[in-house]
PDB file of all heavy atoms in Angstrom:
ATOM      1  N   GLY A   1       0.770  -1.186  -0.048  1.00  0.00           N
ATOM      2  CA  GLY A   1       0.050  -0.024  -0.005  1.00  0.00           C
ATOM      3  C   GLY A   1       0.821   1.190  -0.043  1.00  0.00           C
ATOM      4  O   GLY A   1       0.219   2.326   0.008  1.00  0.00           O
ATOM      5  N   ASP A   2       2.153   1.086   0.022  1.00  0.00           N
ATOM      6  CA  ASP A   2       2.960   2.400  -0.040  1.00  0.00           C
ATOM      7  C   ASP A   2       2.709   3.154  -1.360  1.00  0.00           C
ATOM      8  O   ASP A   2       2.680   4.433  -1.538  1.00  0.00           O
ATOM      9  CB  ASP A   2       4.404   2.031  -0.011  1.00  0.00           C
ATOM     10  CG  ASP A   2       4.799   1.510   1.305  1.00  0.00           C
ATOM     11  OD1 ASP A   2       4.101   1.617   2.307  1.00  0.00           O
ATOM     12  OD2 ASP A   2       5.884   0.903   1.394  1.00  0.00           O
ATOM     13  N   ALA A   3       2.316   2.374  -2.347  1.00  0.00           N
ATOM     14  CA  ALA A   3       1.841   2.911  -3.793  1.00  0.00           C
ATOM     15  C   ALA A   3       0.649   1.965  -4.101  1.00  0.00           C
ATOM     16  O   ALA A   3       0.556   0.780  -3.678  1.00  0.00           O
ATOM     17  CB  ALA A   3       2.948   2.901  -4.736  1.00  0.00           C
ATOM     18  N   PRO A   4      -0.262   2.443  -4.850  1.00  0.00           N
ATOM     19  CA  PRO A   4      -1.382   1.563  -5.296  1.00  0.00           C
ATOM     20  C   PRO A   4      -0.940   0.264  -5.893  1.00  0.00           C
ATOM     21  O   PRO A   4      -0.119   0.173  -6.756  1.00  0.00           O
ATOM     22  CB  PRO A   4      -2.105   2.438  -6.310  1.00  0.00           C
ATOM     23  CG  PRO A   4      -1.743   3.876  -6.024  1.00  0.00           C
ATOM     24  CD  PRO A   4      -0.312   3.793  -5.561  1.00  0.00           C
ATOM     25  N   ASN A   5      -1.568  -0.821  -5.374  1.00  0.00           N
ATOM     26  CA  ASN A   5      -1.345  -2.187  -5.965  1.00  0.00           C
ATOM     27  C   ASN A   5       0.022  -2.596  -5.892  1.00  0.00           C
ATOM     28  O   ASN A   5       0.525  -3.353  -6.711  1.00  0.00           O
ATOM     29  CB  ASN A   5      -1.943  -2.271  -7.312  1.00  0.00           C
ATOM     30  CG  ASN A   5      -3.426  -2.061  -7.405  1.00  0.00           C
ATOM     31  OD1 ASN A   5      -4.145  -2.156  -6.306  1.00  0.00           O
ATOM     32  ND2 ASN A   5      -3.903  -1.594  -8.546  1.00  0.00           N
ATOM     33  N   THR A   6       0.832  -2.116  -4.880  1.00  0.00           N
ATOM     34  CA  THR A   6       2.285  -2.449  -4.838  1.00  0.00           C
ATOM     35  C   THR A   6       2.508  -3.033  -3.406  1.00  0.00           C
ATOM     36  O   THR A   6       2.110  -2.554  -2.396  1.00  0.00           O
ATOM     37  CB  THR A   6       2.961  -1.112  -4.995  1.00  0.00           C
ATOM     38  OG1 THR A   6       2.744  -0.664  -6.284  1.00  0.00           O
ATOM     39  CG2 THR A   6       4.465  -1.271  -4.991  1.00  0.00           C
ATOM     40  N   VAL A   7       3.490  -3.967  -3.547  1.00  0.00           N
ATOM     41  CA  VAL A   7       4.277  -4.497  -2.344  1.00  0.00           C
ATOM     42  C   VAL A   7       5.657  -3.971  -2.367  1.00  0.00           C
ATOM     43  O   VAL A   7       6.297  -4.135  -3.490  1.00  0.00           O
ATOM     44  CB  VAL A   7       3.949  -6.077  -2.218  1.00  0.00           C
ATOM     45  CG1 VAL A   7       4.694  -6.689  -3.418  1.00  0.00           C
ATOM     46  CG2 VAL A   7       4.497  -6.528  -0.984  1.00  0.00           C
ATOM     47  N   THR A   8       6.198  -3.681  -1.224  1.00  0.00           N
ATOM     48  CA  THR A   8       7.498  -3.207  -1.172  1.00  0.00           C
ATOM     49  C   THR A   8       8.269  -4.074  -0.190  1.00  0.00           C
ATOM     50  O   THR A   8       7.843  -4.496   0.750  1.00  0.00           O
ATOM     51  CB  THR A   8       7.431  -1.712  -0.675  1.00  0.00           C
ATOM     52  OG1 THR A   8       6.757  -0.989  -1.620  1.00  0.00           O
ATOM     53  CG2 THR A   8       8.958  -1.165  -0.665  1.00  0.00           C
ATOM     54  N   LEU A   9       9.577  -4.288  -0.591  1.00  0.00           N
ATOM     55  CA  LEU A   9      10.524  -4.921   0.324  1.00  0.00           C
ATOM     56  C   LEU A   9      11.742  -3.970   0.612  1.00  0.00           C
ATOM     57  O   LEU A   9      12.521  -3.737  -0.274  1.00  0.00           O
ATOM     58  CB  LEU A   9      11.106  -6.286  -0.258  1.00  0.00           C
ATOM     59  CG  LEU A   9      11.940  -7.092   0.725  1.00  0.00           C
ATOM     60  CD1 LEU A   9      11.177  -7.608   1.805  1.00  0.00           C
ATOM     61  CD2 LEU A   9      12.681  -8.145  -0.080  1.00  0.00           C
ATOM     62  N   GLN A  10      11.725  -3.358   1.818  1.00  0.00           N
ATOM     63  CA  GLN A  10      12.927  -2.568   2.249  1.00  0.00           C
ATOM     64  C   GLN A  10      13.991  -3.471   2.832  1.00  0.00           C
ATOM     65  O   GLN A  10      13.629  -4.137   3.794  1.00  0.00           O
ATOM     66  CB  GLN A  10      12.355  -1.484   3.239  1.00  0.00           C
ATOM     67  CG  GLN A  10      13.511  -0.603   3.757  1.00  0.00           C
ATOM     68  CD  GLN A  10      14.120   0.351   2.774  1.00  0.00           C
ATOM     69  OE1 GLN A  10      13.389   0.924   1.978  1.00  0.00           O
ATOM     70  NE2 GLN A  10      15.432   0.529   2.568  1.00  0.00           N
ATOM     71  N   MET A  11      15.110  -3.387   2.184  1.00  0.00           N
ATOM     72  CA  MET A  11      16.189  -4.318   2.621  1.00  0.00           C
ATOM     73  C   MET A  11      17.427  -3.350   3.246  1.00  0.00           C
ATOM     74  O   MET A  11      17.964  -2.565   2.509  1.00  0.00           O
ATOM     75  CB  MET A  11      16.725  -5.081   1.560  1.00  0.00           C
ATOM     76  CG  MET A  11      15.633  -5.965   0.823  1.00  0.00           C
ATOM     77  SD  MET A  11      16.285  -6.961  -0.473  1.00  0.00           S
ATOM     78  CE  MET A  11      16.789  -5.758  -1.635  1.00  0.00           C
ATOM     79  N   ASN A  12      17.744  -3.571   4.400  1.00  0.00           N
ATOM     80  CA  ASN A  12      18.716  -2.758   5.086  1.00  0.00           C
ATOM     81  C   ASN A  12      19.825  -3.662   5.572  1.00  0.00           C
ATOM     82  O   ASN A  12      19.641  -4.905   5.704  1.00  0.00           O
ATOM     83  CB  ASN A  12      18.176  -2.070   6.356  1.00  0.00           C
ATOM     84  CG  ASN A  12      17.103  -0.981   5.925  1.00  0.00           C
ATOM     85  OD1 ASN A  12      17.217  -0.411   4.794  1.00  0.00           O
ATOM     86  ND2 ASN A  12      16.124  -0.772   6.808  1.00  0.00           N
ATOM     87  N   SER A  13      20.870  -3.177   5.877  1.00  0.00           N
ATOM     88  CA  SER A  13      22.133  -3.926   6.469  1.00  0.00           C
ATOM     89  C   SER A  13      22.384  -5.280   5.554  1.00  0.00           C
ATOM     90  O   SER A  13      22.477  -6.363   6.068  1.00  0.00           O
ATOM     91  CB  SER A  13      21.771  -4.383   7.852  1.00  0.00           C
ATOM     92  OG  SER A  13      21.562  -3.248   8.729  1.00  0.00           O
ATOM     93  N   LEU A  14      22.421  -4.909   4.273  1.00  0.00           N
ATOM     94  CA  LEU A  14      22.589  -6.110   3.351  1.00  0.00           C
ATOM     95  C   LEU A  14      23.866  -6.818   3.484  1.00  0.00           C
ATOM     96  O   LEU A  14      24.950  -6.111   3.767  1.00  0.00           O
ATOM     97  CB  LEU A  14      22.409  -5.562   1.897  1.00  0.00           C
ATOM     98  CG  LEU A  14      20.893  -5.252   1.461  1.00  0.00           C
ATOM     99  CD1 LEU A  14      20.873  -4.332   0.221  1.00  0.00           C
ATOM    100  CD2 LEU A  14      20.195  -6.641   1.177  1.00  0.00           C
ATOM    101  N   LYS A  15      23.777  -8.128   3.270  1.00  0.00           N
ATOM    102  CA  LYS A  15      24.980  -8.961   3.444  1.00  0.00           C
ATOM    103  C   LYS A  15      25.450  -9.541   2.094  1.00  0.00           C
ATOM    104  O   LYS A  15      24.459  -9.703   1.210  1.00  0.00           O
ATOM    105  CB  LYS A  15      24.678 -10.014   4.444  1.00  0.00           C
ATOM    106  CG  LYS A  15      24.396  -9.398   5.845  1.00  0.00           C
ATOM    107  CD  LYS A  15      24.053 -10.750   6.827  1.00  0.00           C
ATOM    108  CE  LYS A  15      23.586 -10.140   8.205  1.00  0.00           C
ATOM    109  NZ  LYS A  15      23.387 -11.224   9.129  1.00  0.00           N
ATOM    110  N   LEU A  16      26.525 -10.108   1.985  1.00  0.00           N
ATOM    111  CA  LEU A  16      26.962 -10.708   0.783  1.00  0.00           C
ATOM    112  C   LEU A  16      26.039 -11.809   0.389  1.00  0.00           C
ATOM    113  O   LEU A  16      25.706 -12.045  -0.746  1.00  0.00           O
ATOM    114  CB  LEU A  16      28.403 -11.225   0.880  1.00  0.00           C
ATOM    115  CG  LEU A  16      29.480 -10.228   1.058  1.00  0.00           C
ATOM    116  CD1 LEU A  16      30.873 -10.917   1.378  1.00  0.00           C
ATOM    117  CD2 LEU A  16      29.628  -9.293  -0.114  1.00  0.00           C
ATOM    118  N   GLU A  17      25.560 -12.497   1.370  1.00  0.00           N
ATOM    119  CA  GLU A  17      24.645 -13.749   1.172  1.00  0.00           C
ATOM    120  C   GLU A  17      23.284 -13.341   0.788  1.00  0.00           C
ATOM    121  O   GLU A  17      22.407 -14.240   0.551  1.00  0.00           O
ATOM    122  CB  GLU A  17      24.677 -14.618   2.436  1.00  0.00           C
ATOM    123  CG  GLU A  17      24.323 -13.885   3.743  1.00  0.00           C
ATOM    124  CD  GLU A  17      25.555 -13.482   4.536  1.00  0.00           C
ATOM    125  OE1 GLU A  17      26.469 -13.078   3.878  1.00  0.00           O
ATOM    126  OE2 GLU A  17      25.419 -13.515   5.804  1.00  0.00           O
ATOM    127  N   ASP A  18      22.908 -12.098   0.729  1.00  0.00           N
ATOM    128  CA  ASP A  18      21.712 -11.658   0.266  1.00  0.00           C
ATOM    129  C   ASP A  18      21.729 -11.545  -1.376  1.00  0.00           C
ATOM    130  O   ASP A  18      20.684 -11.214  -1.831  1.00  0.00           O
ATOM    131  CB  ASP A  18      21.298 -10.250   0.844  1.00  0.00           C
ATOM    132  CG  ASP A  18      20.987 -10.378   2.363  1.00  0.00           C
ATOM    133  OD1 ASP A  18      20.386 -11.265   2.834  1.00  0.00           O
ATOM    134  OD2 ASP A  18      21.473  -9.307   2.933  1.00  0.00           O
ATOM    135  N   THR A  19      22.762 -11.818  -1.889  1.00  0.00           N
ATOM    136  CA  THR A  19      22.829 -11.730  -3.348  1.00  0.00           C
ATOM    137  C   THR A  19      21.963 -12.813  -3.866  1.00  0.00           C
ATOM    138  O   THR A  19      22.227 -13.965  -3.566  1.00  0.00           O
ATOM    139  CB  THR A  19      24.298 -11.947  -3.802  1.00  0.00           C
ATOM    140  OG1 THR A  19      25.097 -10.749  -3.388  1.00  0.00           O
ATOM    141  CG2 THR A  19      24.420 -11.974  -5.313  1.00  0.00           C
ATOM    142  N   ALA A  20      21.150 -12.446  -4.774  1.00  0.00           N
ATOM    143  CA  ALA A  20      20.186 -13.359  -5.443  1.00  0.00           C
ATOM    144  C   ALA A  20      19.294 -12.701  -6.399  1.00  0.00           C
ATOM    145  O   ALA A  20      19.256 -11.373  -6.489  1.00  0.00           O
ATOM    146  CB  ALA A  20      19.328 -13.994  -4.360  1.00  0.00           C
ATOM    147  N   VAL A  21      18.537 -13.407  -7.201  1.00  0.00           N
ATOM    148  CA  VAL A  21      17.431 -12.948  -7.877  1.00  0.00           C
ATOM    149  C   VAL A  21      16.241 -12.834  -7.046  1.00  0.00           C
ATOM    150  O   VAL A  21      15.968 -13.957  -6.461  1.00  0.00           O
ATOM    151  CB  VAL A  21      17.228 -13.643  -9.206  1.00  0.00           C
ATOM    152  CG1 VAL A  21      16.033 -13.125  -9.932  1.00  0.00           C
ATOM    153  CG2 VAL A  21      18.425 -13.599 -10.150  1.00  0.00           C
ATOM    154  N   TYR A  22      15.619 -11.739  -6.796  1.00  0.00           N
ATOM    155  CA  TYR A  22      14.335 -11.694  -6.026  1.00  0.00           C
ATOM    156  C   TYR A  22      13.144 -11.663  -6.885  1.00  0.00           C
ATOM    157  O   TYR A  22      13.038 -10.923  -7.864  1.00  0.00           O
ATOM    158  CB  TYR A  22      14.451 -10.369  -5.256  1.00  0.00           C
ATOM    159  CG  TYR A  22      15.540 -10.531  -4.142  1.00  0.00           C
ATOM    160  CD1 TYR A  22      16.839 -10.577  -4.246  1.00  0.00           C
ATOM    161  CD2 TYR A  22      14.988 -10.566  -2.791  1.00  0.00           C
ATOM    162  CE1 TYR A  22      17.765 -10.712  -3.262  1.00  0.00           C
ATOM    163  CE2 TYR A  22      15.912 -10.601  -1.695  1.00  0.00           C
ATOM    164  CZ  TYR A  22      17.287 -10.760  -1.951  1.00  0.00           C
ATOM    165  OH  TYR A  22      18.224 -10.837  -0.931  1.00  0.00           O
ATOM    166  N   TYR A  23      12.147 -12.524  -6.517  1.00  0.00           N
ATOM    167  CA  TYR A  23      11.065 -12.662  -7.244  1.00  0.00           C
ATOM    168  C   TYR A  23       9.727 -12.275  -6.389  1.00  0.00           C
ATOM    169  O   TYR A  23       9.648 -12.676  -5.193  1.00  0.00           O
ATOM    170  CB  TYR A  23      10.722 -14.142  -7.687  1.00  0.00           C
ATOM    171  CG  TYR A  23      11.759 -14.604  -8.624  1.00  0.00           C
ATOM    172  CD1 TYR A  23      12.938 -15.268  -8.091  1.00  0.00           C
ATOM    173  CD2 TYR A  23      11.580 -14.591  -9.996  1.00  0.00           C
ATOM    174  CE1 TYR A  23      13.911 -15.742  -9.115  1.00  0.00           C
ATOM    175  CE2 TYR A  23      12.440 -15.068 -10.860  1.00  0.00           C
ATOM    176  CZ  TYR A  23      13.624 -15.578 -10.336  1.00  0.00           C
ATOM    177  OH  TYR A  23      14.631 -16.040 -11.267  1.00  0.00           O
ATOM    178  N   CYS A  24       8.928 -11.481  -6.986  1.00  0.00           N
ATOM    179  CA  CYS A  24       7.637 -11.173  -6.332  1.00  0.00           C
ATOM    180  C   CYS A  24       6.623 -12.226  -6.596  1.00  0.00           C
ATOM    181  O   CYS A  24       6.573 -12.874  -7.637  1.00  0.00           O
ATOM    182  CB  CYS A  24       7.074  -9.817  -6.907  1.00  0.00           C
ATOM    183  SG  CYS A  24       5.598  -9.250  -6.379  1.00  0.00           S
ATOM    184  N   ASN A  25       5.702 -12.512  -5.589  1.00  0.00           N
ATOM    185  CA  ASN A  25       4.759 -13.579  -5.702  1.00  0.00           C
ATOM    186  C   ASN A  25       3.381 -13.080  -5.231  1.00  0.00           C
ATOM    187  O   ASN A  25       3.392 -12.249  -4.243  1.00  0.00           O
ATOM    188  CB  ASN A  25       5.193 -14.746  -4.803  1.00  0.00           C
ATOM    189  CG  ASN A  25       4.177 -15.886  -4.870  1.00  0.00           C
ATOM    190  OD1 ASN A  25       3.381 -15.958  -3.998  1.00  0.00           O
ATOM    191  ND2 ASN A  25       4.172 -16.687  -5.959  1.00  0.00           N
ATOM    192  N   ALA A  26       2.275 -13.541  -5.874  1.00  0.00           N
ATOM    193  CA  ALA A  26       1.057 -13.159  -5.364  1.00  0.00           C
ATOM    194  C   ALA A  26       0.263 -14.558  -5.293  1.00  0.00           C
ATOM    195  O   ALA A  26       0.269 -15.316  -6.252  1.00  0.00           O
ATOM    196  CB  ALA A  26       0.294 -12.272  -6.326  1.00  0.00           C
ATOM    197  N   GLN A  27      -0.442 -14.712  -4.092  1.00  0.00           N
ATOM    198  CA  GLN A  27      -1.062 -15.987  -3.989  1.00  0.00           C
ATOM    199  C   GLN A  27      -2.615 -15.656  -3.439  1.00  0.00           C
ATOM    200  O   GLN A  27      -2.844 -14.670  -2.619  1.00  0.00           O
ATOM    201  CB  GLN A  27      -0.448 -16.807  -2.933  1.00  0.00           C
ATOM    202  CG  GLN A  27       0.791 -17.300  -3.273  1.00  0.00           C
ATOM    203  CD  GLN A  27       1.313 -18.320  -2.273  1.00  0.00           C
ATOM    204  OE1 GLN A  27       0.719 -19.047  -1.685  1.00  0.00           O
ATOM    205  NE2 GLN A  27       2.709 -18.406  -2.147  1.00  0.00           N
ATOM    206  N   ARG A  28      -3.543 -16.422  -4.069  1.00  0.00           N
ATOM    207  CA  ARG A  28      -4.839 -16.344  -3.548  1.00  0.00           C
ATOM    208  C   ARG A  28      -5.561 -17.717  -3.877  1.00  0.00           C
ATOM    209  O   ARG A  28      -5.390 -18.247  -4.875  1.00  0.00           O
ATOM    210  CB  ARG A  28      -5.653 -15.246  -4.342  1.00  0.00           C
ATOM    211  CG  ARG A  28      -7.089 -15.053  -3.773  1.00  0.00           C
ATOM    212  CD  ARG A  28      -7.834 -13.895  -4.443  1.00  0.00           C
ATOM    213  NE  ARG A  28      -8.120 -14.305  -5.809  1.00  0.00           N
ATOM    214  CZ  ARG A  28      -8.852 -13.568  -6.600  1.00  0.00           C
ATOM    215  NH1 ARG A  28      -9.284 -12.357  -6.158  1.00  0.00           N
ATOM    216  NH2 ARG A  28      -9.258 -13.911  -7.771  1.00  0.00           N
ATOM    217  N   LEU A  29      -6.152 -18.282  -2.883  1.00  0.00           N
ATOM    218  CA  LEU A  29      -6.689 -19.579  -2.927  1.00  0.00           C
ATOM    219  C   LEU A  29      -5.691 -20.613  -3.447  1.00  0.00           C
ATOM    220  O   LEU A  29      -4.555 -20.645  -3.015  1.00  0.00           O
ATOM    221  CB  LEU A  29      -7.887 -19.538  -3.861  1.00  0.00           C
ATOM    222  CG  LEU A  29      -9.071 -18.578  -3.367  1.00  0.00           C
ATOM    223  CD1 LEU A  29     -10.131 -18.579  -4.428  1.00  0.00           C
ATOM    224  CD2 LEU A  29      -9.590 -19.015  -2.046  1.00  0.00           C
ATOM    225  N   ALA A  30      -5.899 -21.244  -4.652  1.00  0.00           N
ATOM    226  CA  ALA A  30      -4.824 -22.135  -5.049  1.00  0.00           C
ATOM    227  C   ALA A  30      -3.991 -21.683  -6.253  1.00  0.00           C
ATOM    228  O   ALA A  30      -3.195 -22.432  -6.786  1.00  0.00           O
ATOM    229  CB  ALA A  30      -5.676 -23.463  -5.512  1.00  0.00           C
ATOM    230  N   ARG A  31      -4.083 -20.326  -6.524  1.00  0.00           N
ATOM    231  CA  ARG A  31      -3.488 -19.668  -7.534  1.00  0.00           C
ATOM    232  C   ARG A  31      -2.150 -18.955  -7.035  1.00  0.00           C
ATOM    233  O   ARG A  31      -2.246 -18.278  -5.975  1.00  0.00           O
ATOM    234  CB  ARG A  31      -4.286 -18.765  -8.319  1.00  0.00           C
ATOM    235  CG  ARG A  31      -5.406 -19.413  -9.030  1.00  0.00           C
ATOM    236  CD  ARG A  31      -5.022 -20.122 -10.087  1.00  0.00           C
ATOM    237  NE  ARG A  31      -6.098 -20.709 -10.910  1.00  0.00           N
ATOM    238  CZ  ARG A  31      -6.700 -20.086 -12.011  1.00  0.00           C
ATOM    239  NH1 ARG A  31      -6.198 -18.893 -12.412  1.00  0.00           N
ATOM    240  NH2 ARG A  31      -7.707 -20.591 -12.678  1.00  0.00           N
ATOM    241  N   SER A  32      -1.092 -19.079  -7.748  1.00  0.00           N
ATOM    242  CA  SER A  32       0.157 -18.495  -7.404  1.00  0.00           C
ATOM    243  C   SER A  32       0.758 -17.847  -8.754  1.00  0.00           C
ATOM    244  O   SER A  32       0.861 -18.475  -9.734  1.00  0.00           O
ATOM    245  CB  SER A  32       1.134 -19.459  -6.874  1.00  0.00           C
ATOM    246  OG  SER A  32       2.291 -18.807  -6.455  1.00  0.00           O
ATOM    247  N   TYR A  33       1.229 -16.613  -8.583  1.00  0.00           N
ATOM    248  CA  TYR A  33       1.689 -15.924  -9.751  1.00  0.00           C
ATOM    249  C   TYR A  33       3.090 -15.322  -9.382  1.00  0.00           C
ATOM    250  O   TYR A  33       3.296 -14.963  -8.297  1.00  0.00           O
ATOM    251  CB  TYR A  33       0.808 -14.737 -10.093  1.00  0.00           C
ATOM    252  CG  TYR A  33      -0.739 -15.088 -10.347  1.00  0.00           C
ATOM    253  CD1 TYR A  33      -1.589 -15.129  -9.459  1.00  0.00           C
ATOM    254  CD2 TYR A  33      -1.027 -15.497 -11.783  1.00  0.00           C
ATOM    255  CE1 TYR A  33      -2.914 -15.571  -9.736  1.00  0.00           C
ATOM    256  CE2 TYR A  33      -2.330 -15.904 -12.020  1.00  0.00           C
ATOM    257  CZ  TYR A  33      -3.275 -15.957 -10.945  1.00  0.00           C
ATOM    258  OH  TYR A  33      -4.473 -16.312 -11.227  1.00  0.00           O
ATOM    259  N   TRP A  34       3.905 -15.253 -10.355  1.00  0.00           N
ATOM    260  CA  TRP A  34       5.280 -14.798 -10.246  1.00  0.00           C
ATOM    261  C   TRP A  34       5.595 -13.647 -11.127  1.00  0.00           C
ATOM    262  O   TRP A  34       5.207 -13.592 -12.271  1.00  0.00           O
ATOM    263  CB  TRP A  34       6.336 -15.868 -10.486  1.00  0.00           C
ATOM    264  CG  TRP A  34       6.092 -17.098  -9.588  1.00  0.00           C
ATOM    265  CD1 TRP A  34       5.327 -18.086  -9.650  1.00  0.00           C
ATOM    266  CD2 TRP A  34       6.763 -17.214  -8.249  1.00  0.00           C
ATOM    267  NE1 TRP A  34       5.549 -19.016  -8.484  1.00  0.00           N
ATOM    268  CE2 TRP A  34       6.432 -18.375  -7.658  1.00  0.00           C
ATOM    269  CE3 TRP A  34       7.601 -16.373  -7.568  1.00  0.00           C
ATOM    270  CZ2 TRP A  34       6.817 -18.772  -6.366  1.00  0.00           C
ATOM    271  CZ3 TRP A  34       8.100 -16.699  -6.274  1.00  0.00           C
ATOM    272  CH2 TRP A  34       7.693 -17.903  -5.775  1.00  0.00           C
ATOM    273  N   GLY A  35       6.451 -12.692 -10.593  1.00  0.00           N
ATOM    274  CA  GLY A  35       7.016 -11.600 -11.361  1.00  0.00           C
ATOM    275  C   GLY A  35       8.248 -12.155 -12.067  1.00  0.00           C
ATOM    276  O   GLY A  35       8.658 -13.321 -12.002  1.00  0.00           O
ATOM    277  N   GLN A  36       8.850 -11.228 -12.788  1.00  0.00           N
ATOM    278  CA  GLN A  36      10.023 -11.719 -13.660  1.00  0.00           C
ATOM    279  C   GLN A  36      11.378 -11.745 -12.978  1.00  0.00           C
ATOM    280  O   GLN A  36      12.206 -12.225 -13.518  1.00  0.00           O
ATOM    281  CB  GLN A  36      10.184 -10.508 -14.797  1.00  0.00           C
ATOM    282  CG  GLN A  36      10.982  -9.293 -14.386  1.00  0.00           C
ATOM    283  CD  GLN A  36      10.047  -8.253 -13.665  1.00  0.00           C
ATOM    284  OE1 GLN A  36       9.062  -8.550 -13.074  1.00  0.00           O
ATOM    285  NE2 GLN A  36      10.561  -7.025 -13.693  1.00  0.00           N
ATOM    286  N   GLY A  37      11.390 -11.265 -11.727  1.00  0.00           N
ATOM    287  CA  GLY A  37      12.725 -11.329 -11.008  1.00  0.00           C
ATOM    288  C   GLY A  37      13.541 -10.127 -11.281  1.00  0.00           C
ATOM    289  O   GLY A  37      13.580  -9.518 -12.227  1.00  0.00           O
ATOM    290  N   THR A  38      14.168  -9.722 -10.157  1.00  0.00           N
ATOM    291  CA  THR A  38      15.180  -8.573 -10.136  1.00  0.00           C
ATOM    292  C   THR A  38      16.349  -9.034  -9.468  1.00  0.00           C
ATOM    293  O   THR A  38      16.286  -9.503  -8.368  1.00  0.00           O
ATOM    294  CB  THR A  38      14.364  -7.360  -9.625  1.00  0.00           C
ATOM    295  OG1 THR A  38      15.261  -6.183  -9.766  1.00  0.00           O
ATOM    296  CG2 THR A  38      13.975  -7.447  -8.171  1.00  0.00           C
ATOM    297  N   GLN A  39      17.473  -8.556 -10.018  1.00  0.00           N
ATOM    298  CA  GLN A  39      18.793  -9.074  -9.473  1.00  0.00           C
ATOM    299  C   GLN A  39      19.292  -8.100  -8.393  1.00  0.00           C
ATOM    300  O   GLN A  39      19.255  -6.807  -8.477  1.00  0.00           O
ATOM    301  CB  GLN A  39      19.919  -9.061 -10.469  1.00  0.00           C
ATOM    302  CG  GLN A  39      21.217  -9.316  -9.975  1.00  0.00           C
ATOM    303  CD  GLN A  39      21.447 -10.853  -9.636  1.00  0.00           C
ATOM    304  OE1 GLN A  39      20.984 -11.731 -10.373  1.00  0.00           O
ATOM    305  NE2 GLN A  39      22.012 -11.025  -8.435  1.00  0.00           N
ATOM    306  N   VAL A  40      19.641  -8.688  -7.264  1.00  0.00           N
ATOM    307  CA  VAL A  40      20.132  -7.907  -6.041  1.00  0.00           C
ATOM    308  C   VAL A  40      21.617  -8.515  -5.866  1.00  0.00           C
ATOM    309  O   VAL A  40      21.772  -9.675  -5.639  1.00  0.00           O
ATOM    310  CB  VAL A  40      19.410  -7.989  -4.763  1.00  0.00           C
ATOM    311  CG1 VAL A  40      20.138  -7.369  -3.645  1.00  0.00           C
ATOM    312  CG2 VAL A  40      18.067  -7.299  -4.935  1.00  0.00           C
TER     313      VAL A  40
END
């Protein structure tokens, strides 16, 4: 809700082991949807 229809992940104190491709997911009932991934 920080912006309309948006989920936000604030990442602080990042570590080397946080390096990954991050994927957004939406779930409702038995359905699951994935975003395209963003590299961190």
